[in-house]
Amino acid sequence: WSVSLMRAPEGRDWNDILVLLPGAVGTNGSGLSVHGSVYEAHVMMVDGADMAPAGQNLTSLMNLSAEAFQDVQVKSGANSASTPLGLGAVINVATRSGTNNLSGGVGIVYQSPDWYSRGDRTGTINNGKRIQPDMGGGGPIIRDKLFWFGSYRFSSTEFGVSRSESDIALFKQLDPNFTPVNNAQEGHIYSAKITGRMNQNHQFQGLFQHDKTPQSGVQFNHLK
């Protein structure tokens, strides 16, 4: 079975397409398992090249601006002999290339912590804040011969940790200076691609991607 769409159905991440794959099941927020495989066992490729670490193939470990990908194909069976070994789905992201026309696009995702309903809960809740602008563009370097495309994403997220009032009171007994803090991460994600056409039958391309998103914060029972 395979799924291929020009755009992911939800959000602005390339791996959102996995929610459409038959047999995909969520695993407590850590990822999606396909047909019972471990969610770390997927094969992730960009333009046909294996891009995932050998030990932990989490889809969240590879980020791209929403303006960078052209198509995403997911296969869950009957893979070819050239496909890298993996027990999960085979995911191939096709990135955009420049053309003879100068073009680009921008977009933004914003999520406010005030949009979460507290209900009758006290203490702190796992509400979140997200600011994530995307941009990308490309064009010709040498018309009909050499093209460029670049993309950029700034990702800033901050999510609270659920703690009841009794939990907070217990932490303050252990440490009078205890103050609840959130889990936060912020990163700059960008890519650059050069595509060249040698003749009608041959072309070449090179892709550079930078994805470094440091995370800070604490877990439920951490005392700062």
N, C-alpha and C. Protein backbone atom coordinates (compact mmCIF):
# COMPACT_ATOMS: atom_id res chain seq x y z
N TRP A 1 0.85 -1.19 0.00
CA TRP A 1 0.00 0.00 0.00
C TRP A 1 0.89 1.24 0.00
N SER A 2 0.50 2.23 -0.78
CA SER A 2 1.27 3.47 -0.80
C SER A 2 0.33 4.66 -0.82
N VAL A 3 0.80 5.76 -0.26
CA VAL A 3 0.06 7.00 -0.24
C VAL A 3 0.97 8.09 -0.76
N SER A 4 0.48 8.92 -1.68
CA SER A 4 1.29 10.00 -2.20
C SER A 4 0.40 11.22 -2.38
N LEU A 5 0.76 12.32 -1.74
CA LEU A 5 -0.01 13.55 -1.83
C LEU A 5 0.93 14.72 -2.09
N MET A 6 0.41 15.75 -2.74
CA MET A 6 1.21 16.93 -2.98
C MET A 6 1.42 17.74 -1.71
N ARG A 7 0.46 17.64 -0.80
CA ARG A 7 0.58 18.37 0.46
C ARG A 7 0.10 17.50 1.60
N ALA A 8 0.73 17.61 2.74
CA ALA A 8 0.29 16.88 3.91
C ALA A 8 -1.09 17.35 4.31
N PRO A 9 -1.96 16.46 4.83
CA PRO A 9 -3.36 16.81 5.07
C PRO A 9 -3.60 17.68 6.28
N GLU A 10 -2.72 17.64 7.26
CA GLU A 10 -2.92 18.40 8.48
C GLU A 10 -1.63 19.12 8.84
N GLY A 11 -1.78 20.29 9.47
CA GLY A 11 -0.61 21.01 9.92
C GLY A 11 0.27 21.44 8.76
N ARG A 12 1.58 21.61 9.03
CA ARG A 12 2.51 22.03 8.00
C ARG A 12 3.81 21.24 8.11
N ASP A 13 3.72 19.98 8.53
CA ASP A 13 4.88 19.10 8.62
C ASP A 13 4.75 17.98 7.60
N TRP A 14 5.88 17.58 7.01
CA TRP A 14 5.84 16.57 5.97
C TRP A 14 5.30 15.24 6.50
N ASN A 15 5.57 14.91 7.78
CA ASN A 15 5.14 13.61 8.29
C ASN A 15 3.68 13.56 8.70
N ASP A 16 2.93 14.67 8.55
CA ASP A 16 1.49 14.63 8.83
C ASP A 16 0.74 13.71 7.86
N ILE A 17 1.36 13.41 6.73
CA ILE A 17 0.71 12.53 5.76
C ILE A 17 0.52 11.12 6.30
N LEU A 18 1.30 10.74 7.32
CA LEU A 18 1.21 9.38 7.86
C LEU A 18 -0.15 9.09 8.47
N VAL A 19 -0.89 10.13 8.86
CA VAL A 19 -2.20 9.87 9.48
C VAL A 19 -3.18 9.29 8.46
N LEU A 20 -2.90 9.42 7.17
CA LEU A 20 -3.77 8.86 6.13
C LEU A 20 -3.44 7.42 5.79
N LEU A 21 -2.33 6.91 6.29
CA LEU A 21 -1.88 5.57 5.90
C LEU A 21 -2.66 4.50 6.65
N PRO A 22 -3.30 3.57 5.93
CA PRO A 22 -4.00 2.48 6.63
C PRO A 22 -3.03 1.67 7.49
N GLY A 23 -3.43 1.38 8.70
CA GLY A 23 -2.58 0.61 9.61
C GLY A 23 -1.69 1.46 10.48
N ALA A 24 -1.75 2.81 10.33
CA ALA A 24 -0.93 3.70 11.16
C ALA A 24 -1.65 3.97 12.48
N VAL A 25 -0.93 3.79 13.59
CA VAL A 25 -1.51 3.94 14.92
C VAL A 25 -0.61 4.84 15.75
N GLY A 26 -1.19 5.79 16.47
CA GLY A 26 -0.42 6.67 17.33
C GLY A 26 0.15 5.92 18.52
N THR A 27 1.32 6.38 19.00
CA THR A 27 1.99 5.71 20.13
C THR A 27 2.29 6.71 21.22
N ASN A 28 1.26 7.17 21.89
CA ASN A 28 1.40 8.07 23.05
C ASN A 28 2.21 9.32 22.73
N GLY A 29 1.98 9.88 21.55
CA GLY A 29 2.63 11.13 21.19
C GLY A 29 4.06 10.99 20.71
N SER A 30 4.61 9.79 20.72
CA SER A 30 6.00 9.61 20.31
C SER A 30 6.16 9.44 18.81
N GLY A 31 5.12 9.05 18.12
CA GLY A 31 5.21 8.81 16.70
C GLY A 31 4.07 7.93 16.24
N LEU A 32 4.16 7.45 15.01
CA LEU A 32 3.14 6.59 14.44
C LEU A 32 3.75 5.23 14.11
N SER A 33 3.09 4.18 14.60
CA SER A 33 3.48 2.81 14.28
C SER A 33 2.68 2.36 13.07
N VAL A 34 3.32 1.64 12.15
CA VAL A 34 2.65 1.16 10.93
C VAL A 34 2.64 -0.35 10.93
N HIS A 35 1.44 -0.93 10.91
CA HIS A 35 1.26 -2.38 10.87
C HIS A 35 2.01 -3.08 12.01
N GLY A 36 2.00 -2.49 13.19
CA GLY A 36 2.59 -3.13 14.36
C GLY A 36 4.09 -2.94 14.51
N SER A 37 4.72 -2.24 13.60
CA SER A 37 6.17 -2.03 13.72
C SER A 37 6.46 -0.97 14.77
N VAL A 38 7.67 -0.97 15.28
CA VAL A 38 8.09 0.06 16.21
C VAL A 38 8.16 1.38 15.47
N TYR A 39 7.70 2.47 16.13
CA TYR A 39 7.67 3.76 15.45
C TYR A 39 9.06 4.30 15.12
N GLU A 40 10.11 3.67 15.67
CA GLU A 40 11.48 4.06 15.35
C GLU A 40 12.05 3.29 14.17
N ALA A 41 11.24 2.44 13.53
CA ALA A 41 11.75 1.54 12.50
C ALA A 41 11.42 1.98 11.08
N HIS A 42 10.96 3.22 10.90
CA HIS A 42 10.65 3.70 9.56
C HIS A 42 11.94 3.98 8.77
N VAL A 43 11.82 3.96 7.46
CA VAL A 43 12.91 4.37 6.57
C VAL A 43 12.54 5.75 6.02
N MET A 44 13.40 6.73 6.26
CA MET A 44 13.12 8.09 5.83
C MET A 44 14.15 8.52 4.79
N MET A 45 13.66 8.96 3.65
CA MET A 45 14.53 9.36 2.56
C MET A 45 14.13 10.74 2.06
N VAL A 46 15.12 11.49 1.59
CA VAL A 46 14.89 12.77 0.94
C VAL A 46 15.47 12.69 -0.45
N ASP A 47 14.61 12.85 -1.44
CA ASP A 47 15.03 12.74 -2.85
C ASP A 47 15.74 11.41 -3.11
N GLY A 48 15.28 10.34 -2.43
CA GLY A 48 15.82 9.01 -2.65
C GLY A 48 17.02 8.64 -1.82
N ALA A 49 17.56 9.57 -1.03
CA ALA A 49 18.73 9.30 -0.20
C ALA A 49 18.30 9.07 1.24
N ASP A 50 18.84 8.03 1.88
CA ASP A 50 18.51 7.71 3.26
C ASP A 50 19.03 8.82 4.18
N MET A 51 18.13 9.40 4.99
CA MET A 51 18.48 10.55 5.81
C MET A 51 18.34 10.30 7.30
N ALA A 52 17.97 9.10 7.72
CA ALA A 52 17.68 8.84 9.12
C ALA A 52 18.87 8.20 9.82
N PRO A 53 19.02 8.43 11.14
CA PRO A 53 20.06 7.72 11.90
C PRO A 53 19.79 6.22 11.90
N ALA A 54 20.84 5.44 12.01
CA ALA A 54 20.69 3.99 11.97
C ALA A 54 20.01 3.45 13.21
N GLY A 55 20.18 4.12 14.35
CA GLY A 55 19.67 3.57 15.59
C GLY A 55 18.28 4.00 15.97
N GLN A 56 17.81 5.15 15.46
CA GLN A 56 16.52 5.66 15.90
C GLN A 56 15.90 6.49 14.78
N ASN A 57 15.01 5.89 14.03
CA ASN A 57 14.42 6.55 12.87
C ASN A 57 13.11 7.26 13.21
N LEU A 58 13.14 8.13 14.20
CA LEU A 58 11.95 8.90 14.54
C LEU A 58 11.68 9.94 13.45
N THR A 59 10.42 10.05 13.02
CA THR A 59 10.09 11.03 11.99
C THR A 59 10.31 12.45 12.49
N SER A 60 10.26 12.65 13.81
CA SER A 60 10.44 13.98 14.36
C SER A 60 11.89 14.45 14.30
N LEU A 61 12.81 13.54 13.96
CA LEU A 61 14.23 13.90 13.92
C LEU A 61 14.61 14.58 12.61
N MET A 62 13.70 14.58 11.63
CA MET A 62 13.99 15.22 10.35
C MET A 62 12.93 16.28 10.09
N ASN A 63 13.35 17.53 10.08
CA ASN A 63 12.43 18.65 9.87
C ASN A 63 12.76 19.37 8.58
N LEU A 64 11.71 19.83 7.92
CA LEU A 64 11.85 20.64 6.72
C LEU A 64 10.79 21.73 6.76
N SER A 65 11.11 22.86 6.17
CA SER A 65 10.09 23.89 6.00
C SER A 65 8.97 23.35 5.12
N ALA A 66 7.74 23.76 5.40
CA ALA A 66 6.61 23.32 4.58
C ALA A 66 6.75 23.78 3.14
N GLU A 67 7.51 24.84 2.91
CA GLU A 67 7.71 25.33 1.55
C GLU A 67 8.77 24.55 0.80
N ALA A 68 9.45 23.60 1.48
CA ALA A 68 10.56 22.88 0.85
C ALA A 68 10.12 21.61 0.16
N PHE A 69 9.02 20.98 0.61
CA PHE A 69 8.69 19.69 0.02
C PHE A 69 7.62 19.81 -1.06
N GLN A 70 7.83 19.04 -2.11
CA GLN A 70 6.93 19.02 -3.26
C GLN A 70 5.94 17.88 -3.17
N ASP A 71 6.41 16.72 -2.70
CA ASP A 71 5.57 15.54 -2.63
C ASP A 71 6.12 14.62 -1.54
N VAL A 72 5.25 13.81 -0.97
CA VAL A 72 5.64 12.82 0.03
C VAL A 72 5.01 11.49 -0.34
N GLN A 73 5.81 10.45 -0.46
CA GLN A 73 5.32 9.12 -0.78
C GLN A 73 5.62 8.17 0.37
N VAL A 74 4.61 7.40 0.76
CA VAL A 74 4.76 6.46 1.86
C VAL A 74 4.37 5.07 1.37
N LYS A 75 5.26 4.09 1.56
CA LYS A 75 4.98 2.70 1.21
C LYS A 75 5.05 1.84 2.46
N SER A 76 4.09 0.97 2.62
CA SER A 76 4.07 0.09 3.80
C SER A 76 4.25 -1.38 3.44
N GLY A 77 4.54 -1.69 2.18
CA GLY A 77 4.74 -3.08 1.79
C GLY A 77 5.21 -3.17 0.35
N ALA A 78 5.69 -4.34 -0.05
CA ALA A 78 6.15 -4.61 -1.41
C ALA A 78 7.23 -3.62 -1.84
N ASN A 79 8.24 -3.47 -1.00
CA ASN A 79 9.32 -2.54 -1.31
C ASN A 79 10.32 -3.16 -2.28
N SER A 80 10.99 -2.31 -3.04
CA SER A 80 11.97 -2.79 -4.00
C SER A 80 13.26 -3.19 -3.29
N ALA A 81 14.11 -3.92 -4.00
CA ALA A 81 15.37 -4.39 -3.41
C ALA A 81 16.32 -3.24 -3.10
N SER A 82 16.14 -2.11 -3.74
CA SER A 82 17.03 -0.97 -3.51
C SER A 82 16.66 -0.16 -2.27
N THR A 83 15.52 -0.48 -1.64
CA THR A 83 15.06 0.26 -0.48
C THR A 83 15.90 -0.11 0.75
N PRO A 84 16.37 0.85 1.53
CA PRO A 84 17.10 0.53 2.77
C PRO A 84 16.25 -0.33 3.70
N LEU A 85 16.91 -1.17 4.49
CA LEU A 85 16.19 -2.07 5.38
C LEU A 85 15.47 -1.31 6.48
N GLY A 86 14.25 -1.75 6.79
CA GLY A 86 13.47 -1.15 7.84
C GLY A 86 12.19 -1.94 8.04
N LEU A 87 11.70 -1.98 9.26
CA LEU A 87 10.50 -2.75 9.56
C LEU A 87 9.23 -1.94 9.44
N GLY A 88 9.35 -0.61 9.36
CA GLY A 88 8.18 0.24 9.29
C GLY A 88 7.89 0.69 7.87
N ALA A 89 7.29 1.87 7.77
CA ALA A 89 6.97 2.44 6.46
C ALA A 89 8.22 3.01 5.80
N VAL A 90 8.19 3.06 4.48
CA VAL A 90 9.25 3.69 3.70
C VAL A 90 8.73 5.04 3.23
N ILE A 91 9.35 6.11 3.72
CA ILE A 91 8.88 7.47 3.47
C ILE A 91 9.90 8.19 2.61
N ASN A 92 9.46 8.70 1.47
CA ASN A 92 10.35 9.42 0.57
C ASN A 92 9.79 10.82 0.34
N VAL A 93 10.56 11.81 0.73
CA VAL A 93 10.18 13.21 0.58
C VAL A 93 10.87 13.76 -0.66
N ALA A 94 10.09 14.27 -1.60
CA ALA A 94 10.64 14.93 -2.78
C ALA A 94 10.64 16.43 -2.54
N THR A 95 11.82 17.03 -2.55
CA THR A 95 11.91 18.47 -2.29
C THR A 95 11.71 19.26 -3.57
N ARG A 96 11.34 20.51 -3.41
CA ARG A 96 11.12 21.38 -4.55
C ARG A 96 12.44 21.77 -5.22
N SER A 97 12.34 22.05 -6.49
CA SER A 97 13.48 22.52 -7.26
C SER A 97 13.14 23.85 -7.91
N GLY A 98 14.17 24.63 -8.20
CA GLY A 98 13.95 25.89 -8.90
C GLY A 98 13.58 25.66 -10.36
N THR A 99 12.99 26.65 -10.96
CA THR A 99 12.60 26.61 -12.37
C THR A 99 13.08 27.89 -13.06
N ASN A 100 12.69 28.06 -14.30
CA ASN A 100 13.03 29.28 -15.03
C ASN A 100 12.29 30.50 -14.51
N ASN A 101 11.26 30.27 -13.71
CA ASN A 101 10.48 31.37 -13.16
C ASN A 101 10.82 31.58 -11.69
N LEU A 102 11.08 32.81 -11.30
CA LEU A 102 11.33 33.13 -9.90
C LEU A 102 10.02 33.06 -9.13
N SER A 103 9.99 32.23 -8.08
CA SER A 103 8.75 32.04 -7.33
C SER A 103 9.08 31.73 -5.88
N GLY A 104 8.09 31.89 -5.02
CA GLY A 104 8.28 31.61 -3.61
C GLY A 104 6.97 31.60 -2.86
N GLY A 105 7.05 31.32 -1.57
CA GLY A 105 5.85 31.27 -0.74
C GLY A 105 6.20 31.44 0.72
N VAL A 106 5.23 31.87 1.50
CA VAL A 106 5.39 32.04 2.94
C VAL A 106 4.16 31.50 3.65
N GLY A 107 4.33 31.14 4.91
CA GLY A 107 3.22 30.67 5.72
C GLY A 107 3.62 30.70 7.18
N ILE A 108 2.64 30.61 8.05
CA ILE A 108 2.94 30.66 9.49
C ILE A 108 1.92 29.82 10.24
N VAL A 109 2.40 29.16 11.30
CA VAL A 109 1.56 28.44 12.25
C VAL A 109 1.68 29.13 13.60
N TYR A 110 0.54 29.47 14.19
CA TYR A 110 0.55 30.09 15.51
C TYR A 110 -0.45 29.36 16.40
N GLN A 111 -0.04 29.06 17.60
CA GLN A 111 -0.88 28.37 18.58
C GLN A 111 -0.72 29.05 19.92
N SER A 112 -1.82 29.46 20.52
CA SER A 112 -1.78 30.18 21.79
C SER A 112 -2.12 29.25 22.95
N PRO A 113 -1.43 29.38 24.07
CA PRO A 113 -1.79 28.56 25.24
C PRO A 113 -3.17 28.89 25.79
N ASP A 114 -3.69 30.06 25.44
CA ASP A 114 -5.03 30.45 25.91
C ASP A 114 -6.13 29.68 25.19
N TRP A 115 -5.78 28.98 24.12
CA TRP A 115 -6.79 28.23 23.38
C TRP A 115 -7.08 26.87 24.02
N TYR A 116 -6.34 26.50 25.04
CA TYR A 116 -6.56 25.25 25.75
C TYR A 116 -7.60 25.47 26.85
N SER A 117 -8.48 24.50 27.02
CA SER A 117 -9.49 24.59 28.07
C SER A 117 -8.96 23.96 29.36
N ARG A 118 -8.95 24.73 30.43
CA ARG A 118 -8.50 24.22 31.73
C ARG A 118 -9.56 23.34 32.36
N GLY A 119 -10.84 23.62 32.09
CA GLY A 119 -11.91 22.85 32.71
C GLY A 119 -11.91 23.06 34.22
N ASP A 120 -12.04 21.97 34.94
CA ASP A 120 -12.03 22.06 36.41
C ASP A 120 -10.68 21.67 37.00
N ARG A 121 -9.65 21.63 36.17
CA ARG A 121 -8.32 21.24 36.65
C ARG A 121 -7.65 22.41 37.35
N THR A 122 -6.88 22.08 38.38
CA THR A 122 -6.09 23.07 39.10
C THR A 122 -4.61 22.77 38.89
N GLY A 123 -3.76 23.65 39.41
CA GLY A 123 -2.33 23.43 39.21
C GLY A 123 -1.91 23.92 37.84
N THR A 124 -0.99 23.20 37.20
CA THR A 124 -0.54 23.56 35.85
C THR A 124 -1.04 22.51 34.86
N ILE A 125 -1.27 22.93 33.61
CA ILE A 125 -1.77 22.03 32.57
C ILE A 125 -0.79 22.01 31.41
N ASN A 126 -0.97 21.02 30.53
CA ASN A 126 -0.04 20.87 29.39
C ASN A 126 -0.53 21.69 28.19
N ASN A 127 -0.77 22.98 28.41
CA ASN A 127 -1.09 23.85 27.29
C ASN A 127 0.19 24.24 26.56
N GLY A 128 0.04 24.73 25.35
CA GLY A 128 1.23 24.98 24.56
C GLY A 128 1.15 26.25 23.75
N LYS A 129 2.33 26.74 23.38
CA LYS A 129 2.47 27.90 22.53
C LYS A 129 3.40 27.55 21.38
N ARG A 130 3.01 27.91 20.17
CA ARG A 130 3.86 27.62 19.01
C ARG A 130 3.85 28.81 18.05
N ILE A 131 5.05 29.20 17.62
CA ILE A 131 5.22 30.20 16.57
C ILE A 131 6.14 29.57 15.53
N GLN A 132 5.65 29.40 14.31
CA GLN A 132 6.42 28.66 13.30
C GLN A 132 6.20 29.25 11.91
N PRO A 133 6.97 30.25 11.53
CA PRO A 133 6.88 30.78 10.16
C PRO A 133 7.71 29.94 9.19
N ASP A 134 7.24 29.83 7.96
CA ASP A 134 7.92 29.11 6.89
C ASP A 134 8.07 30.03 5.69
N MET A 135 9.15 29.88 4.96
CA MET A 135 9.31 30.60 3.71
C MET A 135 10.23 29.82 2.79
N GLY A 136 10.04 30.03 1.51
CA GLY A 136 10.87 29.34 0.53
C GLY A 136 10.75 30.00 -0.83
N GLY A 137 11.75 29.80 -1.65
CA GLY A 137 11.72 30.37 -2.99
C GLY A 137 12.84 29.83 -3.84
N GLY A 138 12.69 30.00 -5.15
CA GLY A 138 13.70 29.50 -6.08
C GLY A 138 13.60 30.17 -7.42
N GLY A 139 14.57 29.89 -8.26
CA GLY A 139 14.60 30.48 -9.60
C GLY A 139 15.80 30.00 -10.38
N PRO A 140 16.06 30.62 -11.51
CA PRO A 140 17.17 30.18 -12.37
C PRO A 140 18.49 30.85 -12.00
N ILE A 141 19.57 30.09 -12.15
CA ILE A 141 20.93 30.65 -12.10
C ILE A 141 21.41 30.85 -13.53
N ILE A 142 21.29 29.80 -14.33
CA ILE A 142 21.51 29.87 -15.77
C ILE A 142 20.24 29.31 -16.42
N ARG A 143 19.54 30.12 -17.13
CA ARG A 143 18.24 29.72 -17.68
C ARG A 143 18.35 28.42 -18.47
N ASP A 144 17.44 27.50 -18.17
CA ASP A 144 17.35 26.17 -18.82
C ASP A 144 18.49 25.23 -18.44
N LYS A 145 19.42 25.69 -17.58
CA LYS A 145 20.58 24.85 -17.24
C LYS A 145 20.76 24.63 -15.74
N LEU A 146 20.71 25.68 -14.96
CA LEU A 146 21.06 25.59 -13.54
C LEU A 146 20.05 26.39 -12.72
N PHE A 147 19.57 25.76 -11.61
CA PHE A 147 18.49 26.37 -10.83
C PHE A 147 18.80 26.27 -9.33
N TRP A 148 18.19 27.13 -8.54
CA TRP A 148 18.37 27.12 -7.09
C TRP A 148 17.01 27.14 -6.40
N PHE A 149 17.01 26.61 -5.17
CA PHE A 149 15.82 26.71 -4.32
C PHE A 149 16.29 26.70 -2.86
N GLY A 150 15.69 27.55 -2.04
CA GLY A 150 16.04 27.62 -0.63
C GLY A 150 14.80 27.73 0.23
N SER A 151 14.91 27.26 1.47
CA SER A 151 13.77 27.34 2.39
C SER A 151 14.27 27.62 3.80
N TYR A 152 13.37 28.15 4.63
CA TYR A 152 13.72 28.48 6.01
C TYR A 152 12.50 28.31 6.90
N ARG A 153 12.72 27.79 8.10
CA ARG A 153 11.68 27.68 9.13
C ARG A 153 12.27 28.09 10.47
N PHE A 154 11.56 28.96 11.17
CA PHE A 154 11.87 29.25 12.56
C PHE A 154 10.81 28.57 13.41
N SER A 155 11.23 27.75 14.34
CA SER A 155 10.30 26.98 15.17
C SER A 155 10.54 27.30 16.63
N SER A 156 9.50 27.80 17.28
CA SER A 156 9.57 28.12 18.71
C SER A 156 8.33 27.54 19.38
N THR A 157 8.54 26.59 20.30
CA THR A 157 7.42 25.96 21.00
C THR A 157 7.69 25.97 22.50
N GLU A 158 6.62 26.04 23.25
CA GLU A 158 6.70 25.99 24.70
C GLU A 158 5.44 25.30 25.22
N PHE A 159 5.62 24.16 25.89
CA PHE A 159 4.49 23.38 26.38
C PHE A 159 4.59 23.19 27.89
N GLY A 160 3.46 23.35 28.54
CA GLY A 160 3.41 23.17 29.98
C GLY A 160 3.43 21.70 30.37
N VAL A 161 3.66 21.44 31.64
CA VAL A 161 3.67 20.10 32.21
C VAL A 161 2.53 20.00 33.22
N SER A 162 1.70 18.97 33.09
CA SER A 162 0.56 18.81 33.99
C SER A 162 1.03 18.50 35.41
N ARG A 163 0.60 19.33 36.35
CA ARG A 163 0.90 19.12 37.77
C ARG A 163 -0.33 19.55 38.56
N SER A 164 -0.78 18.73 39.47
CA SER A 164 -1.89 19.11 40.34
C SER A 164 -1.39 20.03 41.45
N GLU A 165 -2.31 20.66 42.14
CA GLU A 165 -1.91 21.53 43.24
C GLU A 165 -1.19 20.74 44.34
N SER A 166 -1.60 19.49 44.58
CA SER A 166 -0.93 18.66 45.59
C SER A 166 0.49 18.32 45.15
N ASP A 167 0.70 18.12 43.84
CA ASP A 167 2.06 17.86 43.35
C ASP A 167 2.95 19.08 43.60
N ILE A 168 2.44 20.26 43.27
CA ILE A 168 3.22 21.48 43.45
C ILE A 168 3.53 21.70 44.93
N ALA A 169 2.53 21.42 45.79
CA ALA A 169 2.75 21.57 47.23
C ALA A 169 3.83 20.62 47.73
N LEU A 170 3.84 19.38 47.19
CA LEU A 170 4.85 18.40 47.58
C LEU A 170 6.24 18.86 47.15
N PHE A 171 6.36 19.37 45.92
CA PHE A 171 7.65 19.83 45.44
C PHE A 171 8.16 21.00 46.29
N LYS A 172 7.26 21.89 46.71
CA LYS A 172 7.68 23.03 47.52
C LYS A 172 8.10 22.60 48.92
N GLN A 173 7.56 21.48 49.40
CA GLN A 173 8.04 20.96 50.68
C GLN A 173 9.48 20.46 50.56
N LEU A 174 9.78 19.87 49.40
CA LEU A 174 11.13 19.37 49.16
C LEU A 174 12.09 20.51 48.84
N ASP A 175 11.58 21.51 48.13
CA ASP A 175 12.41 22.66 47.75
C ASP A 175 11.55 23.91 47.82
N PRO A 176 11.69 24.73 48.86
CA PRO A 176 10.86 25.93 49.00
C PRO A 176 10.97 26.89 47.82
N ASN A 177 12.05 26.80 47.06
CA ASN A 177 12.24 27.69 45.91
C ASN A 177 11.72 27.11 44.60
N PHE A 178 11.01 25.98 44.70
CA PHE A 178 10.50 25.33 43.47
C PHE A 178 9.54 26.25 42.72
N THR A 179 9.76 26.39 41.42
CA THR A 179 8.89 27.16 40.54
C THR A 179 8.58 26.33 39.30
N PRO A 180 7.31 26.10 38.97
CA PRO A 180 6.98 25.30 37.78
C PRO A 180 7.51 25.96 36.51
N VAL A 181 8.15 25.19 35.66
CA VAL A 181 8.65 25.69 34.39
C VAL A 181 8.11 24.81 33.27
N ASN A 182 8.20 25.31 32.05
CA ASN A 182 7.69 24.59 30.89
C ASN A 182 8.82 23.98 30.07
N ASN A 183 8.45 23.07 29.19
CA ASN A 183 9.39 22.51 28.22
C ASN A 183 9.38 23.40 26.98
N ALA A 184 10.54 23.85 26.55
CA ALA A 184 10.63 24.78 25.43
C ALA A 184 11.72 24.35 24.46
N GLN A 185 11.50 24.65 23.20
CA GLN A 185 12.54 24.42 22.20
C GLN A 185 12.44 25.50 21.13
N GLU A 186 13.59 25.82 20.57
CA GLU A 186 13.65 26.87 19.56
C GLU A 186 14.75 26.53 18.58
N GLY A 187 14.47 26.64 17.29
CA GLY A 187 15.47 26.26 16.32
C GLY A 187 15.29 26.95 14.98
N HIS A 188 16.38 26.96 14.21
CA HIS A 188 16.38 27.50 12.86
C HIS A 188 16.64 26.35 11.89
N ILE A 189 15.72 26.13 10.97
CA ILE A 189 15.79 25.01 10.04
C ILE A 189 15.83 25.57 8.62
N TYR A 190 16.87 25.24 7.88
CA TYR A 190 16.94 25.79 6.53
C TYR A 190 17.58 24.78 5.59
N SER A 191 17.33 24.96 4.32
CA SER A 191 17.87 24.06 3.29
C SER A 191 18.17 24.86 2.04
N ALA A 192 19.09 24.33 1.23
CA ALA A 192 19.44 24.93 -0.05
C ALA A 192 19.64 23.80 -1.07
N LYS A 193 19.14 24.00 -2.26
CA LYS A 193 19.19 22.96 -3.29
C LYS A 193 19.61 23.56 -4.63
N ILE A 194 20.54 22.88 -5.28
CA ILE A 194 20.98 23.25 -6.63
C ILE A 194 20.62 22.11 -7.57
N THR A 195 19.99 22.44 -8.66
CA THR A 195 19.61 21.44 -9.67
C THR A 195 20.18 21.87 -11.02
N GLY A 196 20.82 20.93 -11.71
CA GLY A 196 21.40 21.23 -13.01
C GLY A 196 20.94 20.24 -14.07
N ARG A 197 20.82 20.71 -15.29
CA ARG A 197 20.41 19.87 -16.41
C ARG A 197 21.55 19.81 -17.40
N MET A 198 22.17 18.61 -17.52
CA MET A 198 23.30 18.44 -18.41
C MET A 198 22.84 18.29 -19.86
N ASN A 199 21.81 17.46 -20.05
CA ASN A 199 21.19 17.29 -21.36
C ASN A 199 19.79 16.75 -21.14
N GLN A 200 19.12 16.29 -22.18
CA GLN A 200 17.76 15.82 -22.06
C GLN A 200 17.64 14.57 -21.20
N ASN A 201 18.71 13.80 -21.07
CA ASN A 201 18.65 12.53 -20.36
C ASN A 201 19.34 12.54 -19.00
N HIS A 202 20.10 13.59 -18.67
CA HIS A 202 20.87 13.58 -17.45
C HIS A 202 20.73 14.92 -16.72
N GLN A 203 20.62 14.80 -15.40
CA GLN A 203 20.61 15.99 -14.55
C GLN A 203 21.29 15.66 -13.23
N PHE A 204 21.63 16.66 -12.47
CA PHE A 204 22.27 16.46 -11.18
C PHE A 204 21.65 17.43 -10.17
N GLN A 205 21.81 17.09 -8.89
CA GLN A 205 21.29 17.98 -7.85
C GLN A 205 22.10 17.80 -6.57
N GLY A 206 22.12 18.83 -5.78
CA GLY A 206 22.77 18.80 -4.48
C GLY A 206 21.89 19.48 -3.45
N LEU A 207 21.76 18.88 -2.27
CA LEU A 207 20.88 19.40 -1.23
C LEU A 207 21.66 19.56 0.08
N PHE A 208 21.54 20.73 0.69
CA PHE A 208 22.10 20.98 2.02
C PHE A 208 20.96 21.29 2.97
N GLN A 209 20.95 20.62 4.13
CA GLN A 209 19.89 20.85 5.10
C GLN A 209 20.49 21.05 6.49
N HIS A 210 20.02 22.04 7.22
CA HIS A 210 20.45 22.29 8.59
C HIS A 210 19.24 22.23 9.49
N ASP A 211 19.31 21.40 10.53
CA ASP A 211 18.18 21.22 11.46
C ASP A 211 18.75 21.03 12.86
N LYS A 212 18.79 22.10 13.62
CA LYS A 212 19.27 22.04 14.99
C LYS A 212 18.25 22.75 15.87
N THR A 213 17.57 21.96 16.73
CA THR A 213 16.51 22.50 17.56
C THR A 213 16.77 22.12 19.01
N PRO A 214 17.54 22.90 19.73
CA PRO A 214 17.82 22.58 21.15
C PRO A 214 16.54 22.63 21.98
N GLN A 215 16.48 21.78 22.99
CA GLN A 215 15.31 21.73 23.87
C GLN A 215 15.75 21.97 25.30
N SER A 216 14.96 22.75 26.02
CA SER A 216 15.22 23.01 27.43
C SER A 216 13.93 22.83 28.20
N GLY A 217 14.05 22.62 29.50
CA GLY A 217 12.87 22.43 30.32
C GLY A 217 13.06 21.27 31.26
N VAL A 218 11.95 20.78 31.81
CA VAL A 218 12.00 19.71 32.80
C VAL A 218 10.86 18.75 32.56
N GLN A 219 10.92 17.64 33.22
CA GLN A 219 9.82 16.68 33.22
C GLN A 219 8.96 16.89 34.46
N PHE A 220 8.00 16.00 34.66
CA PHE A 220 6.98 16.17 35.69
C PHE A 220 7.59 16.34 37.08
N ASN A 221 8.52 15.48 37.47
CA ASN A 221 8.98 15.44 38.85
C ASN A 221 10.39 15.99 39.03
N HIS A 222 10.78 16.89 38.15
CA HIS A 222 12.13 17.45 38.22
C HIS A 222 12.12 18.69 39.09
N LEU A 223 13.07 18.77 39.99
CA LEU A 223 13.21 19.94 40.85
C LEU A 223 14.38 20.77 40.36
N LYS A 224 14.11 22.02 40.11
CA LYS A 224 15.16 22.91 39.58
C LYS A 224 15.87 23.61 40.75
